[in-house]
Amino acid sequence: MQIQCKFISLKTGERCNAFALESGFCFSHDPETRNEKAEAVSKGGFAPKKIKLNLSPVKIKTTDDVVNVLEEVINLVRDGNLPCSNPANTIGFLCSHILKAIELSKLEQKVNIIEDIISGRKNI
């Protein structure tokens, strides 16, 4: 079971909601990790804030549209044209969503077939 950080803000009196390390404090509030936190904050200040891709807008109305957009983003990550901190995780995450969209598309096709069969029987 995760333990909540024991830091309490002097300004608000509220307790930190982050999970605690072995010390009982989270990474940000642990006196032992003060130098590492300062370094992380410093590095974060140099991270790119926004990436402008100049891609044209897309309309997403079907599961096929979702698959196409996800495929495009995966290829941008693979080519290095869409920077991300962990390309392998990003690609894996997006692939899982493509699989869900494909599964949903197949289910949608089956529902359409069943609806056609039912509506055909009503016309008899």
N, C-alpha and C. Protein backbone atom coordinates (compact mmCIF):
# COMPACT_ATOMS: atom_id res chain seq x y z
N MET A 1 0.84 -1.18 0.00
CA MET A 1 0.00 0.00 0.00
C MET A 1 0.89 1.24 0.00
N GLN A 2 0.54 2.21 -0.85
CA GLN A 2 1.30 3.44 -0.94
C GLN A 2 0.97 4.35 0.24
N ILE A 3 2.00 5.03 0.74
CA ILE A 3 1.83 5.95 1.85
C ILE A 3 1.92 7.37 1.32
N GLN A 4 1.07 8.25 1.82
CA GLN A 4 1.03 9.64 1.40
C GLN A 4 2.18 10.41 2.04
N CYS A 5 2.73 11.36 1.28
CA CYS A 5 3.80 12.23 1.77
C CYS A 5 3.33 12.94 3.04
N LYS A 6 4.22 13.07 4.02
CA LYS A 6 3.82 13.67 5.29
C LYS A 6 4.05 15.18 5.34
N PHE A 7 4.45 15.79 4.21
CA PHE A 7 4.66 17.24 4.16
C PHE A 7 3.32 17.97 4.28
N ILE A 8 3.30 19.01 5.13
CA ILE A 8 2.11 19.85 5.28
C ILE A 8 2.53 21.28 4.99
N SER A 9 1.82 21.94 4.07
CA SER A 9 2.13 23.31 3.67
C SER A 9 1.86 24.26 4.83
N LEU A 10 2.82 25.14 5.10
CA LEU A 10 2.63 26.14 6.15
C LEU A 10 1.64 27.21 5.71
N LYS A 11 1.57 27.45 4.39
CA LYS A 11 0.66 28.48 3.86
C LYS A 11 -0.80 28.03 3.91
N THR A 12 -1.06 26.82 3.46
CA THR A 12 -2.44 26.36 3.34
C THR A 12 -2.85 25.37 4.42
N GLY A 13 -1.87 24.76 5.06
CA GLY A 13 -2.17 23.74 6.05
C GLY A 13 -2.57 22.40 5.45
N GLU A 14 -2.46 22.31 4.10
CA GLU A 14 -2.85 21.08 3.43
C GLU A 14 -1.68 20.12 3.30
N ARG A 15 -2.00 18.85 3.34
CA ARG A 15 -0.99 17.81 3.21
C ARG A 15 -0.72 17.52 1.74
N CYS A 16 0.53 17.22 1.41
CA CYS A 16 0.91 16.85 0.04
C CYS A 16 0.21 15.55 -0.34
N ASN A 17 -0.29 15.48 -1.58
CA ASN A 17 -1.03 14.29 -2.03
C ASN A 17 -0.14 13.25 -2.70
N ALA A 18 1.15 13.54 -2.87
CA ALA A 18 2.05 12.61 -3.57
C ALA A 18 2.34 11.39 -2.70
N PHE A 19 2.80 10.33 -3.37
CA PHE A 19 3.19 9.13 -2.64
C PHE A 19 4.55 9.35 -1.99
N ALA A 20 4.71 8.80 -0.81
CA ALA A 20 5.94 8.97 -0.04
C ALA A 20 7.00 7.96 -0.43
N LEU A 21 8.26 8.39 -0.27
CA LEU A 21 9.40 7.49 -0.39
C LEU A 21 9.61 6.83 0.97
N GLU A 22 10.70 6.11 1.13
CA GLU A 22 10.97 5.45 2.42
C GLU A 22 11.08 6.44 3.56
N SER A 23 11.49 7.67 3.25
CA SER A 23 11.67 8.70 4.28
C SER A 23 10.34 9.21 4.82
N GLY A 24 9.24 8.91 4.11
CA GLY A 24 7.94 9.43 4.52
C GLY A 24 7.55 10.67 3.74
N PHE A 25 8.52 11.22 2.98
CA PHE A 25 8.26 12.39 2.14
C PHE A 25 8.30 11.97 0.67
N CYS A 26 7.65 12.76 -0.19
CA CYS A 26 7.75 12.53 -1.63
C CYS A 26 9.09 13.08 -2.12
N PHE A 27 9.40 12.85 -3.39
CA PHE A 27 10.66 13.31 -3.96
C PHE A 27 10.84 14.81 -3.79
N SER A 28 9.76 15.58 -3.98
CA SER A 28 9.85 17.04 -3.92
C SER A 28 10.08 17.57 -2.51
N HIS A 29 9.58 16.87 -1.51
CA HIS A 29 9.65 17.39 -0.14
C HIS A 29 10.69 16.69 0.74
N ASP A 30 11.34 15.68 0.22
CA ASP A 30 12.33 14.94 1.00
C ASP A 30 13.61 15.76 1.12
N PRO A 31 14.03 16.08 2.35
CA PRO A 31 15.28 16.85 2.52
C PRO A 31 16.50 16.15 1.92
N GLU A 32 16.46 14.81 1.85
CA GLU A 32 17.59 14.04 1.32
C GLU A 32 17.71 14.17 -0.20
N THR A 33 16.62 14.51 -0.89
CA THR A 33 16.67 14.62 -2.35
C THR A 33 16.62 16.07 -2.82
N ARG A 34 16.96 17.00 -1.93
CA ARG A 34 16.89 18.43 -2.25
C ARG A 34 17.75 18.78 -3.47
N ASN A 35 18.98 18.27 -3.53
CA ASN A 35 19.87 18.58 -4.66
C ASN A 35 19.35 17.98 -5.96
N GLU A 36 18.86 16.73 -5.89
CA GLU A 36 18.32 16.09 -7.09
C GLU A 36 17.08 16.83 -7.59
N LYS A 37 16.26 17.32 -6.65
CA LYS A 37 15.07 18.07 -7.06
C LYS A 37 15.47 19.37 -7.74
N ALA A 38 16.45 20.07 -7.19
CA ALA A 38 16.90 21.33 -7.80
C ALA A 38 17.43 21.08 -9.21
N GLU A 39 18.16 19.98 -9.39
CA GLU A 39 18.68 19.63 -10.72
C GLU A 39 17.54 19.30 -11.68
N ALA A 40 16.54 18.57 -11.22
CA ALA A 40 15.40 18.22 -12.06
C ALA A 40 14.62 19.47 -12.47
N VAL A 41 14.43 20.39 -11.53
CA VAL A 41 13.73 21.64 -11.83
C VAL A 41 14.51 22.44 -12.85
N SER A 42 15.82 22.47 -12.69
CA SER A 42 16.67 23.20 -13.62
C SER A 42 16.58 22.61 -15.02
N LYS A 43 16.66 21.29 -15.12
CA LYS A 43 16.56 20.63 -16.42
C LYS A 43 15.19 20.86 -17.04
N GLY A 44 14.15 20.84 -16.21
CA GLY A 44 12.80 21.05 -16.70
C GLY A 44 12.63 22.43 -17.32
N GLY A 45 13.36 23.40 -16.84
CA GLY A 45 13.28 24.75 -17.38
C GLY A 45 13.81 24.85 -18.79
N PHE A 46 14.66 23.91 -19.18
CA PHE A 46 15.24 23.93 -20.53
C PHE A 46 14.49 23.02 -21.51
N ALA A 47 13.53 22.29 -21.00
CA ALA A 47 12.77 21.38 -21.87
C ALA A 47 11.90 22.19 -22.82
N PRO A 48 11.74 21.70 -24.06
CA PRO A 48 10.88 22.42 -25.00
C PRO A 48 9.45 22.44 -24.47
N LYS A 49 8.84 23.60 -24.54
CA LYS A 49 7.50 23.76 -23.99
C LYS A 49 6.41 23.35 -24.98
N LYS A 50 6.63 23.64 -26.24
CA LYS A 50 5.61 23.35 -27.23
C LYS A 50 6.29 22.94 -28.52
N ILE A 51 5.73 21.96 -29.16
CA ILE A 51 6.26 21.50 -30.44
C ILE A 51 5.23 21.84 -31.50
N LYS A 52 5.64 22.61 -32.48
CA LYS A 52 4.75 23.00 -33.57
C LYS A 52 5.00 22.05 -34.73
N LEU A 53 3.99 21.26 -35.09
CA LEU A 53 4.14 20.26 -36.14
C LEU A 53 3.66 20.74 -37.50
N ASN A 54 2.84 21.78 -37.52
CA ASN A 54 2.29 22.30 -38.78
C ASN A 54 1.57 21.23 -39.59
N LEU A 55 0.79 20.41 -38.91
CA LEU A 55 -0.01 19.39 -39.58
C LEU A 55 -1.39 19.96 -39.87
N SER A 56 -1.97 19.51 -40.95
CA SER A 56 -3.31 19.98 -41.28
C SER A 56 -4.33 19.31 -40.36
N PRO A 57 -5.42 19.99 -40.05
CA PRO A 57 -6.44 19.40 -39.19
C PRO A 57 -7.07 18.17 -39.85
N VAL A 58 -7.51 17.25 -39.03
CA VAL A 58 -8.17 16.06 -39.54
C VAL A 58 -9.54 15.93 -38.91
N LYS A 59 -10.46 15.37 -39.65
CA LYS A 59 -11.78 15.08 -39.12
C LYS A 59 -11.80 13.62 -38.68
N ILE A 60 -12.20 13.40 -37.46
CA ILE A 60 -12.25 12.05 -36.93
C ILE A 60 -13.71 11.72 -36.67
N LYS A 61 -14.27 10.90 -37.55
CA LYS A 61 -15.68 10.53 -37.44
C LYS A 61 -15.88 9.02 -37.36
N THR A 62 -14.86 8.27 -37.73
CA THR A 62 -14.99 6.81 -37.73
C THR A 62 -13.78 6.20 -37.03
N THR A 63 -13.90 4.92 -36.73
CA THR A 63 -12.76 4.22 -36.12
C THR A 63 -11.60 4.16 -37.10
N ASP A 64 -11.91 4.09 -38.40
CA ASP A 64 -10.83 4.11 -39.40
C ASP A 64 -10.06 5.43 -39.35
N ASP A 65 -10.77 6.54 -39.11
CA ASP A 65 -10.10 7.84 -38.98
C ASP A 65 -9.16 7.83 -37.78
N VAL A 66 -9.60 7.22 -36.69
CA VAL A 66 -8.77 7.14 -35.48
C VAL A 66 -7.52 6.33 -35.77
N VAL A 67 -7.69 5.20 -36.42
CA VAL A 67 -6.54 4.36 -36.77
C VAL A 67 -5.57 5.12 -37.66
N ASN A 68 -6.08 5.87 -38.63
CA ASN A 68 -5.21 6.62 -39.54
C ASN A 68 -4.42 7.69 -38.81
N VAL A 69 -5.07 8.40 -37.90
CA VAL A 69 -4.36 9.45 -37.14
C VAL A 69 -3.30 8.83 -36.24
N LEU A 70 -3.65 7.76 -35.54
CA LEU A 70 -2.68 7.11 -34.67
C LEU A 70 -1.50 6.56 -35.47
N GLU A 71 -1.80 6.02 -36.64
CA GLU A 71 -0.74 5.51 -37.51
C GLU A 71 0.20 6.65 -37.92
N GLU A 72 -0.37 7.78 -38.25
CA GLU A 72 0.44 8.93 -38.64
C GLU A 72 1.34 9.40 -37.49
N VAL A 73 0.78 9.45 -36.29
CA VAL A 73 1.57 9.88 -35.13
C VAL A 73 2.67 8.88 -34.82
N ILE A 74 2.36 7.59 -34.90
CA ILE A 74 3.39 6.56 -34.67
C ILE A 74 4.54 6.74 -35.65
N ASN A 75 4.21 6.98 -36.92
CA ASN A 75 5.26 7.15 -37.92
C ASN A 75 6.08 8.42 -37.68
N LEU A 76 5.43 9.48 -37.18
CA LEU A 76 6.17 10.70 -36.83
C LEU A 76 7.16 10.43 -35.69
N VAL A 77 6.72 9.67 -34.71
CA VAL A 77 7.60 9.32 -33.59
C VAL A 77 8.74 8.44 -34.09
N ARG A 78 8.42 7.44 -34.90
CA ARG A 78 9.45 6.53 -35.42
C ARG A 78 10.49 7.26 -36.25
N ASP A 79 10.04 8.24 -37.05
CA ASP A 79 10.95 9.00 -37.91
C ASP A 79 11.74 10.04 -37.14
N GLY A 80 11.36 10.31 -35.89
CA GLY A 80 12.02 11.34 -35.10
C GLY A 80 11.47 12.73 -35.37
N ASN A 81 10.38 12.82 -36.13
CA ASN A 81 9.78 14.12 -36.43
C ASN A 81 8.83 14.60 -35.34
N LEU A 82 8.53 13.74 -34.40
CA LEU A 82 7.73 14.12 -33.24
C LEU A 82 8.53 13.70 -32.01
N PRO A 83 9.26 14.64 -31.44
CA PRO A 83 10.10 14.30 -30.29
C PRO A 83 9.27 13.86 -29.09
N CYS A 84 9.75 12.86 -28.40
CA CYS A 84 9.12 12.43 -27.16
C CYS A 84 10.20 11.83 -26.27
N SER A 85 9.93 11.80 -24.99
CA SER A 85 10.96 11.36 -24.05
C SER A 85 11.24 9.87 -24.13
N ASN A 86 10.23 9.08 -24.49
CA ASN A 86 10.42 7.64 -24.56
C ASN A 86 9.66 7.08 -25.77
N PRO A 87 10.30 7.09 -26.94
CA PRO A 87 9.62 6.66 -28.17
C PRO A 87 9.02 5.26 -28.08
N ALA A 88 9.73 4.33 -27.47
CA ALA A 88 9.22 2.95 -27.40
C ALA A 88 7.92 2.89 -26.62
N ASN A 89 7.86 3.57 -25.49
CA ASN A 89 6.62 3.58 -24.70
C ASN A 89 5.50 4.28 -25.45
N THR A 90 5.81 5.38 -26.11
CA THR A 90 4.82 6.12 -26.86
C THR A 90 4.24 5.26 -27.98
N ILE A 91 5.11 4.60 -28.72
CA ILE A 91 4.66 3.74 -29.82
C ILE A 91 3.81 2.59 -29.28
N GLY A 92 4.25 1.96 -28.20
CA GLY A 92 3.48 0.87 -27.60
C GLY A 92 2.11 1.34 -27.13
N PHE A 93 2.07 2.50 -26.50
CA PHE A 93 0.81 3.06 -26.03
C PHE A 93 -0.14 3.32 -27.19
N LEU A 94 0.37 3.94 -28.25
CA LEU A 94 -0.47 4.24 -29.41
C LEU A 94 -0.91 2.97 -30.13
N CYS A 95 -0.04 1.98 -30.20
CA CYS A 95 -0.42 0.70 -30.82
C CYS A 95 -1.56 0.04 -30.05
N SER A 96 -1.54 0.14 -28.73
CA SER A 96 -2.63 -0.46 -27.95
C SER A 96 -3.95 0.22 -28.28
N HIS A 97 -3.91 1.53 -28.54
CA HIS A 97 -5.13 2.24 -28.90
C HIS A 97 -5.58 1.90 -30.33
N ILE A 98 -4.63 1.66 -31.21
CA ILE A 98 -4.99 1.21 -32.56
C ILE A 98 -5.69 -0.15 -32.48
N LEU A 99 -5.15 -1.05 -31.68
CA LEU A 99 -5.78 -2.37 -31.54
C LEU A 99 -7.21 -2.25 -31.01
N LYS A 100 -7.41 -1.35 -30.04
CA LYS A 100 -8.76 -1.14 -29.51
C LYS A 100 -9.68 -0.58 -30.60
N ALA A 101 -9.17 0.36 -31.40
CA ALA A 101 -9.99 0.94 -32.48
C ALA A 101 -10.34 -0.11 -33.52
N ILE A 102 -9.39 -0.96 -33.86
CA ILE A 102 -9.65 -2.03 -34.83
C ILE A 102 -10.70 -2.99 -34.28
N GLU A 103 -10.56 -3.35 -33.02
CA GLU A 103 -11.52 -4.24 -32.37
C GLU A 103 -12.92 -3.60 -32.38
N LEU A 104 -12.98 -2.33 -32.08
CA LEU A 104 -14.26 -1.62 -32.08
C LEU A 104 -14.85 -1.56 -33.48
N SER A 105 -14.00 -1.38 -34.48
CA SER A 105 -14.46 -1.33 -35.87
C SER A 105 -15.08 -2.67 -36.27
N LYS A 106 -14.45 -3.76 -35.89
CA LYS A 106 -14.99 -5.09 -36.21
C LYS A 106 -16.32 -5.31 -35.51
N LEU A 107 -16.42 -4.87 -34.27
CA LEU A 107 -17.66 -4.99 -33.53
C LEU A 107 -18.76 -4.15 -34.19
N GLU A 108 -18.40 -2.97 -34.63
CA GLU A 108 -19.34 -2.09 -35.31
C GLU A 108 -19.86 -2.74 -36.60
N GLN A 109 -18.97 -3.39 -37.34
CA GLN A 109 -19.37 -4.08 -38.56
C GLN A 109 -20.36 -5.21 -38.25
N LYS A 110 -20.10 -5.95 -37.18
CA LYS A 110 -21.00 -7.05 -36.80
C LYS A 110 -22.37 -6.51 -36.40
N VAL A 111 -22.40 -5.41 -35.66
CA VAL A 111 -23.66 -4.81 -35.25
C VAL A 111 -24.45 -4.36 -36.49
N ASN A 112 -23.76 -3.78 -37.46
CA ASN A 112 -24.42 -3.35 -38.69
C ASN A 112 -25.03 -4.53 -39.44
N ILE A 113 -24.31 -5.64 -39.50
CA ILE A 113 -24.83 -6.84 -40.16
C ILE A 113 -26.07 -7.35 -39.44
N ILE A 114 -26.01 -7.38 -38.11
CA ILE A 114 -27.15 -7.85 -37.32
C ILE A 114 -28.35 -6.92 -37.51
N GLU A 115 -28.10 -5.62 -37.53
CA GLU A 115 -29.19 -4.66 -37.75
C GLU A 115 -29.82 -4.85 -39.13
N ASP A 116 -28.97 -5.10 -40.15
CA ASP A 116 -29.49 -5.34 -41.49
C ASP A 116 -30.36 -6.59 -41.53
N ILE A 117 -29.93 -7.64 -40.85
CA ILE A 117 -30.70 -8.88 -40.80
C ILE A 117 -32.04 -8.64 -40.11
N ILE A 118 -31.99 -7.94 -38.99
CA ILE A 118 -33.23 -7.67 -38.25
C ILE A 118 -34.18 -6.80 -39.06
N SER A 119 -33.65 -5.76 -39.70
CA SER A 119 -34.53 -4.89 -40.49
C SER A 119 -35.07 -5.64 -41.71
N GLY A 120 -34.33 -6.58 -42.27
CA GLY A 120 -34.79 -7.41 -43.38
C GLY A 120 -35.93 -8.31 -42.96
N ARG A 121 -35.92 -8.82 -41.76
CA ARG A 121 -36.97 -9.69 -41.27
C ARG A 121 -38.26 -8.90 -41.02
N LYS A 122 -38.10 -7.64 -40.61
CA LYS A 122 -39.29 -6.82 -40.35
C LYS A 122 -40.03 -6.51 -41.65
N ASN A 123 -39.31 -6.46 -42.77
CA ASN A 123 -39.92 -6.14 -44.05
C ASN A 123 -40.61 -7.33 -44.70
N ILE A 124 -40.44 -8.51 -44.13
CA ILE A 124 -41.03 -9.72 -44.73
C ILE A 124 -42.50 -9.81 -44.42
